[in-house]
C-alpha atoms as a PDB file:
ATOM      1  CA  MET A   1     -20.501  42.510  11.619  1.00  0.00           C
ATOM      2  CA  LEU A   2     -24.192  42.146  12.509  1.00  0.00           C
ATOM      3  CA  LEU A   3     -25.059  45.466  10.815  1.00  0.00           C
ATOM      4  CA  ASP A   4     -23.628  44.119   7.572  1.00  0.00           C
ATOM      5  CA  THR A   5     -25.442  40.769   7.698  1.00  0.00           C
ATOM      6  CA  PRO A   6     -28.298  40.317   5.197  1.00  0.00           C
ATOM      7  CA  LEU A   7     -31.713  39.384   6.544  1.00  0.00           C
ATOM      8  CA  ARG A   8     -31.929  36.446   4.140  1.00  0.00           C
ATOM      9  CA  PRO A   9     -28.518  35.202   3.036  1.00  0.00           C
ATOM     10  CA  GLY A  10     -28.355  33.162  -0.134  1.00  0.00           C
ATOM     11  CA  PRO A  11     -30.518  33.287  -3.279  1.00  0.00           C
ATOM     12  CA  ASP A  12     -33.736  35.279  -2.983  1.00  0.00           C
ATOM     13  CA  PRO A  13     -36.624  33.751  -4.979  1.00  0.00           C
ATOM     14  CA  SER A  14     -38.383  37.131  -5.101  1.00  0.00           C
ATOM     15  CA  ARG A  15     -35.490  38.501  -7.151  1.00  0.00           C
ATOM     16  CA  ALA A  16     -35.795  35.870  -9.906  1.00  0.00           C
ATOM     17  CA  ALA A  17     -36.594  38.365 -12.672  1.00  0.00           C
ATOM     18  CA  GLU A  18     -33.766  40.682 -11.643  1.00  0.00           C
ATOM     19  CA  THR A  19     -31.363  37.773 -11.369  1.00  0.00           C
ATOM     20  CA  ALA A  20     -32.273  36.715 -14.906  1.00  0.00           C
ATOM     21  CA  ALA A  21     -31.706  40.284 -16.157  1.00  0.00           C
ATOM     22  CA  LEU A  22     -28.380  40.418 -14.351  1.00  0.00           C
ATOM     23  CA  GLY A  23     -27.263  37.160 -15.947  1.00  0.00           C
ATOM     24  CA  ALA A  24     -28.285  38.461 -19.375  1.00  0.00           C
ATOM     25  CA  VAL A  25     -26.213  41.620 -18.897  1.00  0.00           C
ATOM     26  CA  GLN A  26     -23.188  39.560 -17.909  1.00  0.00           C
ATOM     27  CA  ARG A  27     -23.541  37.225 -20.865  1.00  0.00           C
ATOM     28  CA  ARG A  28     -23.745  40.129 -23.286  1.00  0.00           C
ATOM     29  CA  LEU A  29     -21.185  42.525 -21.759  1.00  0.00           C
ATOM     30  CA  GLY A  30     -18.970  40.382 -19.546  1.00  0.00           C
ATOM     31  CA  ARG A  31     -15.966  40.511 -21.859  1.00  0.00           C
ATOM     32  CA  PRO A  32     -12.517  40.633 -20.205  1.00  0.00           C
ATOM     33  CA  ARG A  33     -11.754  44.186 -21.346  1.00  0.00           C
ATOM     34  CA  LEU A  34     -15.082  45.551 -20.123  1.00  0.00           C
ATOM     35  CA  VAL A  35     -14.734  43.670 -16.861  1.00  0.00           C
ATOM     36  CA  ARG A  36     -11.333  45.277 -16.264  1.00  0.00           C
ATOM     37  CA  VAL A  37     -12.818  48.724 -16.888  1.00  0.00           C
ATOM     38  CA  ALA A  38     -15.733  47.959 -14.571  1.00  0.00           C
ATOM     39  CA  ARG A  39     -13.339  46.829 -11.843  1.00  0.00           C
ATOM     40  CA  GLY A  40     -11.376  50.050 -12.171  1.00  0.00           C
ATOM     41  CA  MET A  41     -14.582  52.034 -11.810  1.00  0.00           C
ATOM     42  CA  SER A  42     -15.519  49.957  -8.787  1.00  0.00           C
ATOM     43  CA  HIS A  43     -12.231  50.675  -7.014  1.00  0.00           C
ATOM     44  CA  PHE A  44     -12.478  54.364  -7.932  1.00  0.00           C
ATOM     45  CA  GLY A  45     -15.941  54.581  -6.396  1.00  0.00           C
ATOM     46  CA  ASP A  46     -15.267  52.543  -3.235  1.00  0.00           C
ATOM     47  CA  HIS A  47     -16.434  54.642  -0.260  1.00  0.00           C
ATOM     48  CA  ALA A  48     -16.873  57.515  -2.776  1.00  0.00           C
ATOM     49  CA  GLY A  49     -13.110  57.985  -2.483  1.00  0.00           C
ATOM     50  CA  GLY A  50     -12.390  58.914  -6.088  1.00  0.00           C
ATOM     51  CA  TRP A  51     -15.204  61.443  -6.222  1.00  0.00           C
ATOM     52  CA  LEU A  52     -14.100  63.056  -2.973  1.00  0.00           C
ATOM     53  CA  VAL A  53     -10.556  63.423  -4.330  1.00  0.00           C
ATOM     54  CA  LEU A  54     -11.898  65.103  -7.473  1.00  0.00           C
ATOM     55  CA  GLY A  55     -13.929  67.494  -5.355  1.00  0.00           C
ATOM     56  CA  ALA A  56     -10.836  68.394  -3.352  1.00  0.00           C
ATOM     57  CA  LEU A  57      -8.889  68.977  -6.568  1.00  0.00           C
ATOM     58  CA  GLY A  58     -11.649  71.270  -7.783  1.00  0.00           C
ATOM     59  CA  ALA A  59     -11.384  73.276  -4.572  1.00  0.00           C
ATOM     60  CA  VAL A  60      -7.620  73.607  -5.048  1.00  0.00           C
ATOM     61  CA  CYS A  61      -7.708  74.497  -8.749  1.00  0.00           C
ATOM     62  CA  ASP A  62     -10.762  76.776  -8.671  1.00  0.00           C
ATOM     63  CA  ARG A  63      -9.910  78.958  -5.708  1.00  0.00           C
ATOM     64  CA  PRO A  64     -12.570  81.656  -6.326  1.00  0.00           C
ATOM     65  CA  ARG A  65     -15.203  78.947  -5.876  1.00  0.00           C
ATOM     66  CA  ARG A  66     -13.341  76.830  -3.358  1.00  0.00           C
ATOM     67  CA  HIS A  67     -16.222  76.829  -0.902  1.00  0.00           C
ATOM     68  CA  GLU A  68     -18.659  75.712  -3.589  1.00  0.00           C
ATOM     69  CA  TRP A  69     -16.420  72.762  -4.474  1.00  0.00           C
ATOM     70  CA  LEU A  70     -16.079  71.851  -0.824  1.00  0.00           C
ATOM     71  CA  ARG A  71     -19.849  71.953  -0.383  1.00  0.00           C
ATOM     72  CA  ALA A  72     -20.259  69.758  -3.476  1.00  0.00           C
ATOM     73  CA  GLY A  73     -17.760  67.272  -2.045  1.00  0.00           C
ATOM     74  CA  ALA A  74     -19.641  67.328   1.250  1.00  0.00           C
ATOM     75  CA  ALA A  75     -22.837  66.476  -0.649  1.00  0.00           C
ATOM     76  CA  VAL A  76     -21.086  63.443  -2.173  1.00  0.00           C
ATOM     77  CA  ALA A  77     -19.936  62.295   1.265  1.00  0.00           C
ATOM     78  CA  PHE A  78     -23.438  62.827   2.652  1.00  0.00           C
ATOM     79  CA  ALA A  79     -25.001  60.848  -0.202  1.00  0.00           C
ATOM     80  CA  HIS A  80     -22.636  57.951   0.434  1.00  0.00           C
ATOM     81  CA  GLY A  81     -23.436  58.007   4.141  1.00  0.00           C
ATOM     82  CA  VAL A  82     -27.183  58.042   3.511  1.00  0.00           C
ATOM     83  CA  SER A  83     -26.911  55.081   1.142  1.00  0.00           C
ATOM     84  CA  ILE A  84     -25.026  53.097   3.778  1.00  0.00           C
ATOM     85  CA  GLY A  85     -27.704  53.961   6.323  1.00  0.00           C
ATOM     86  CA  VAL A  86     -30.471  52.739   4.009  1.00  0.00           C
ATOM     87  CA  LYS A  87     -28.542  49.529   3.352  1.00  0.00           C
ATOM     88  CA  ARG A  88     -28.396  48.769   7.053  1.00  0.00           C
ATOM     89  CA  VAL A  89     -32.132  49.275   7.363  1.00  0.00           C
ATOM     90  CA  VAL A  90     -33.164  47.251   4.284  1.00  0.00           C
ATOM     91  CA  ARG A  91     -30.374  44.654   4.549  1.00  0.00           C
ATOM     92  CA  ARG A  92     -30.979  43.107   1.148  1.00  0.00           C
ATOM     93  CA  PRO A  93     -28.230  40.585   0.318  1.00  0.00           C
ATOM     94  CA  ARG A  94     -26.142  40.953  -2.803  1.00  0.00           C
ATOM     95  CA  PRO A  95     -26.823  38.645  -5.764  1.00  0.00           C
ATOM     96  CA  ASP A  96     -26.003  35.056  -4.852  1.00  0.00           C
ATOM     97  CA  ASP A  97     -27.097  32.774  -7.652  1.00  0.00           C
ATOM     98  CA  PRO A  98     -25.173  30.197  -9.691  1.00  0.00           C
ATOM     99  CA  SER A  99     -26.082  32.050 -12.886  1.00  0.00           C
ATOM    100  CA  VAL A 100     -24.406  35.259 -11.697  1.00  0.00           C
ATOM    101  CA  ARG A 101     -20.636  35.675 -11.589  1.00  0.00           C
ATOM    102  CA  ILE A 102     -19.236  37.888  -8.836  1.00  0.00           C
ATOM    103  CA  LEU A 103     -16.302  39.594 -10.544  1.00  0.00           C
ATOM    104  CA  VAL A 104     -15.057  42.026  -7.889  1.00  0.00           C
ATOM    105  CA  SER A 105     -14.685  42.122  -4.126  1.00  0.00           C
ATOM    106  CA  THR A 106     -17.021  44.423  -2.197  1.00  0.00           C
ATOM    107  CA  PRO A 107     -16.646  46.255   1.151  1.00  0.00           C
ATOM    108  CA  GLY A 108     -19.884  44.722   2.441  1.00  0.00           C
ATOM    109  CA  ARG A 109     -22.568  42.134   1.734  1.00  0.00           C
ATOM    110  CA  LEU A 110     -25.557  44.469   1.513  1.00  0.00           C
ATOM    111  CA  SER A 111     -27.022  45.431  -1.827  1.00  0.00           C
ATOM    112  CA  PHE A 112     -29.837  48.001  -1.678  1.00  0.00           C
ATOM    113  CA  PRO A 113     -29.256  50.726  -2.691  1.00  0.00           C
ATOM    114  CA  SER A 114     -26.000  50.841  -4.643  1.00  0.00           C
ATOM    115  CA  SER A 115     -23.655  53.261  -2.908  1.00  0.00           C
ATOM    116  CA  HIS A 116     -21.530  53.525  -6.057  1.00  0.00           C
ATOM    117  CA  ALA A 117     -24.579  54.604  -8.052  1.00  0.00           C
ATOM    118  CA  CYS A 118     -25.607  57.037  -5.335  1.00  0.00           C
ATOM    119  CA  SER A 119     -22.268  58.825  -4.882  1.00  0.00           C
ATOM    120  CA  THR A 120     -21.560  58.845  -8.631  1.00  0.00           C
ATOM    121  CA  THR A 121     -24.891  60.503  -9.397  1.00  0.00           C
ATOM    122  CA  THR A 122     -24.421  63.137  -6.716  1.00  0.00           C
ATOM    123  CA  ALA A 123     -20.866  63.848  -7.864  1.00  0.00           C
ATOM    124  CA  ALA A 124     -21.815  64.075 -11.541  1.00  0.00           C
ATOM    125  CA  LEU A 125     -24.676  66.481 -10.908  1.00  0.00           C
ATOM    126  CA  ALA A 126     -22.971  68.594  -8.242  1.00  0.00           C
ATOM    127  CA  TYR A 127     -19.617  68.867 -10.024  1.00  0.00           C
ATOM    128  CA  GLY A 128     -21.201  69.278 -13.432  1.00  0.00           C
ATOM    129  CA  ALA A 129     -23.092  72.307 -12.169  1.00  0.00           C
ATOM    130  CA  LEU A 130     -19.760  73.919 -11.298  1.00  0.00           C
ATOM    131  CA  LEU A 131     -18.155  73.156 -14.660  1.00  0.00           C
ATOM    132  CA  ASP A 132     -20.619  75.002 -16.878  1.00  0.00           C
ATOM    133  CA  ALA A 133     -21.841  78.584 -17.072  1.00  0.00           C
ATOM    134  CA  ARG A 134     -25.340  77.113 -16.925  1.00  0.00           C
ATOM    135  CA  PRO A 135     -25.387  74.844 -13.865  1.00  0.00           C
ATOM    136  CA  ALA A 136     -28.428  72.814 -14.925  1.00  0.00           C
ATOM    137  CA  ARG A 137     -26.948  72.127 -18.345  1.00  0.00           C
ATOM    138  CA  GLY A 138     -23.597  71.146 -16.853  1.00  0.00           C
ATOM    139  CA  ALA A 139     -25.287  68.786 -14.402  1.00  0.00           C
ATOM    140  CA  ARG A 140     -27.272  67.109 -17.185  1.00  0.00           C
ATOM    141  CA  ARG A 141     -24.256  66.682 -19.426  1.00  0.00           C
ATOM    142  CA  LEU A 142     -21.910  65.263 -16.815  1.00  0.00           C
ATOM    143  CA  GLY A 143     -24.680  63.092 -15.398  1.00  0.00           C
ATOM    144  CA  ALA A 144     -25.375  61.596 -18.819  1.00  0.00           C
ATOM    145  CA  LEU A 145     -21.652  60.957 -19.283  1.00  0.00           C
ATOM    146  CA  LEU A 146     -20.824  59.370 -15.921  1.00  0.00           C
ATOM    147  CA  VAL A 147     -23.921  57.845 -14.375  1.00  0.00           C
ATOM    148  CA  PRO A 148     -25.028  55.190 -16.930  1.00  0.00           C
ATOM    149  CA  PRO A 149     -21.550  53.592 -17.186  1.00  0.00           C
ATOM    150  CA  MET A 150     -21.265  53.309 -13.394  1.00  0.00           C
ATOM    151  CA  LEU A 151     -24.730  51.805 -13.075  1.00  0.00           C
ATOM    152  CA  LEU A 152     -24.038  49.313 -15.832  1.00  0.00           C
ATOM    153  CA  SER A 153     -20.638  48.407 -14.374  1.00  0.00           C
ATOM    154  CA  ARG A 154     -22.263  47.235 -11.137  1.00  0.00           C
ATOM    155  CA  LEU A 155     -24.397  44.819 -13.142  1.00  0.00           C
ATOM    156  CA  VAL A 156     -21.482  43.618 -15.255  1.00  0.00           C
ATOM    157  CA  LEU A 157     -19.589  42.802 -12.052  1.00  0.00           C
ATOM    158  CA  GLY A 158     -22.578  40.928 -10.630  1.00  0.00           C
ATOM    159  CA  VAL A 159     -22.662  42.789  -7.323  1.00  0.00           C
ATOM    160  CA  HIS A 160     -26.030  44.560  -7.623  1.00  0.00           C
ATOM    161  CA  PHE A 161     -29.526  43.967  -8.874  1.00  0.00           C
ATOM    162  CA  PRO A 162     -30.970  46.459 -11.397  1.00  0.00           C
ATOM    163  CA  SER A 163     -33.277  47.934  -8.748  1.00  0.00           C
ATOM    164  CA  ASP A 164     -30.248  48.545  -6.507  1.00  0.00           C
ATOM    165  CA  VAL A 165     -28.523  50.795  -9.010  1.00  0.00           C
ATOM    166  CA  LEU A 166     -31.713  52.602 -10.017  1.00  0.00           C
ATOM    167  CA  ALA A 167     -32.614  53.324  -6.400  1.00  0.00           C
ATOM    168  CA  GLY A 168     -29.050  54.403  -5.626  1.00  0.00           C
ATOM    169  CA  SER A 169     -29.016  56.799  -8.556  1.00  0.00           C
ATOM    170  CA  ALA A 170     -32.393  58.255  -7.569  1.00  0.00           C
ATOM    171  CA  LEU A 171     -31.145  58.802  -4.025  1.00  0.00           C
ATOM    172  CA  GLY A 172     -27.986  60.464  -5.312  1.00  0.00           C
ATOM    173  CA  ALA A 173     -30.024  62.749  -7.572  1.00  0.00           C
ATOM    174  CA  ALA A 174     -32.194  63.761  -4.617  1.00  0.00           C
ATOM    175  CA  VAL A 175     -29.143  64.696  -2.560  1.00  0.00           C
ATOM    176  CA  ALA A 176     -27.699  66.665  -5.486  1.00  0.00           C
ATOM    177  CA  ALA A 177     -30.995  68.530  -5.917  1.00  0.00           C
ATOM    178  CA  LEU A 178     -31.003  69.424  -2.225  1.00  0.00           C
ATOM    179  CA  ALA A 179     -27.424  70.667  -2.484  1.00  0.00           C
ATOM    180  CA  ALA A 180     -28.321  72.736  -5.562  1.00  0.00           C
ATOM    181  CA  ARG A 181     -31.187  74.407  -3.715  1.00  0.00           C
ATOM    182  CA  ARG A 182     -28.897  75.339  -0.864  1.00  0.00           C
ATOM    183  CA  ARG A 183     -26.331  76.667  -3.336  1.00  0.00           C
ATOM    184  CA  THR A 184     -28.844  78.966  -5.050  1.00  0.00           C
ATOM    185  CA  ARG A 185     -30.008  80.314  -1.701  1.00  0.00           C
ATOM    186  CA  ARG A 186     -26.463  80.973  -0.559  1.00  0.00           C
ATOM    187  CA  PRO A 187     -24.426  82.879  -3.183  1.00  0.00           C
ATOM    188  CA  SER A 188     -20.712  82.269  -3.414  1.00  0.00           C
ATOM    189  CA  ARG A 189     -18.238  84.858  -2.200  1.00  0.00           C
ATOM    190  CA  THR A 190     -17.432  85.881  -5.756  1.00  0.00           C
ATOM    191  CA  ASP A 191     -21.113  86.679  -6.357  1.00  0.00           C
ATOM    192  CA  ARG A 192     -21.686  88.704  -3.211  1.00  0.00           C
ATOM    193  CA  PRO A 193     -21.923  92.468  -3.713  1.00  0.00           C
ATOM    194  CA  ARG A 194     -18.970  94.379  -2.408  1.00  0.00           C
ATOM    195  CA  THR A 195     -19.491  97.403  -0.259  1.00  0.00           C
ATOM    196  CA  ASP A 196     -17.476 100.561  -0.753  1.00  0.00           C
ATOM    197  CA  ARG A 197     -15.426 100.530   2.413  1.00  0.00           C
ATOM    198  CA  SER A 198     -14.017 103.950   1.574  1.00  0.00           C
ATOM    199  CA  ARG A 199     -17.538 105.312   2.137  1.00  0.00           C
ATOM    200  CA  THR A 200     -18.863 103.076   4.849  1.00  0.00           C
ATOM    201  CA  ASP A 201     -15.753 103.228   6.990  1.00  0.00           C
ATOM    202  CA  ARG A 202     -15.205 106.984   6.596  1.00  0.00           C
ATOM    203  CA  PRO A 203     -15.918 108.772   9.866  1.00  0.00           C
ATOM    204  CA  ARG A 204     -18.623 111.375   9.719  1.00  0.00           C
ATOM    205  CA  MET A 205     -17.561 114.976  10.074  1.00  0.00           C
ATOM    206  CA  ASP A 206     -19.338 117.172  12.533  1.00  0.00           C
ATOM    207  CA  ARG A 207     -20.361 120.212  10.512  1.00  0.00           C
ATOM    208  CA  ARG A 208     -21.364 122.264  13.524  1.00  0.00           C
END
């Protein structure tokens, strides 16, 4: 498709430093076992599918906060969509250099930003906030656990430059922050004060 065609196919001389860094990561971490793990993470994150399934499971298992889980899942879907939109504007080609091994198939040929990094960051921060009594702490902890491995896996597989994954993660964090602001402005149903219907619905007596 034309929308998925890079502006400059083939090796990009301006990305020489990033290509060298990418090759160094592969030489150091490109062991068969790590590559298999990275491929599994890649398939899990394709089109943000795995993260969306986890969000749906959260909505099913945590019924009092079902709407919060659904809104978090919607933020993940939105982040993925925004990353795809940016890719089609920038149209940077994926790494294509003899020193870089491409170790997994990809849905498209565009590289910047990494959609896997974007959706993973949004999911980690949005879901983490729902898994801890202190939302900010939960977001930090789950983000630290999930985001670095996903970013590194994209380099191990040779399908993204370092700036792709950093930009994708920054974009995902921005979407998660926006979702968090909306969540704090709009309390969940379990947090809303209940009115005493026995008083408010009681008809007034005419004392005359």
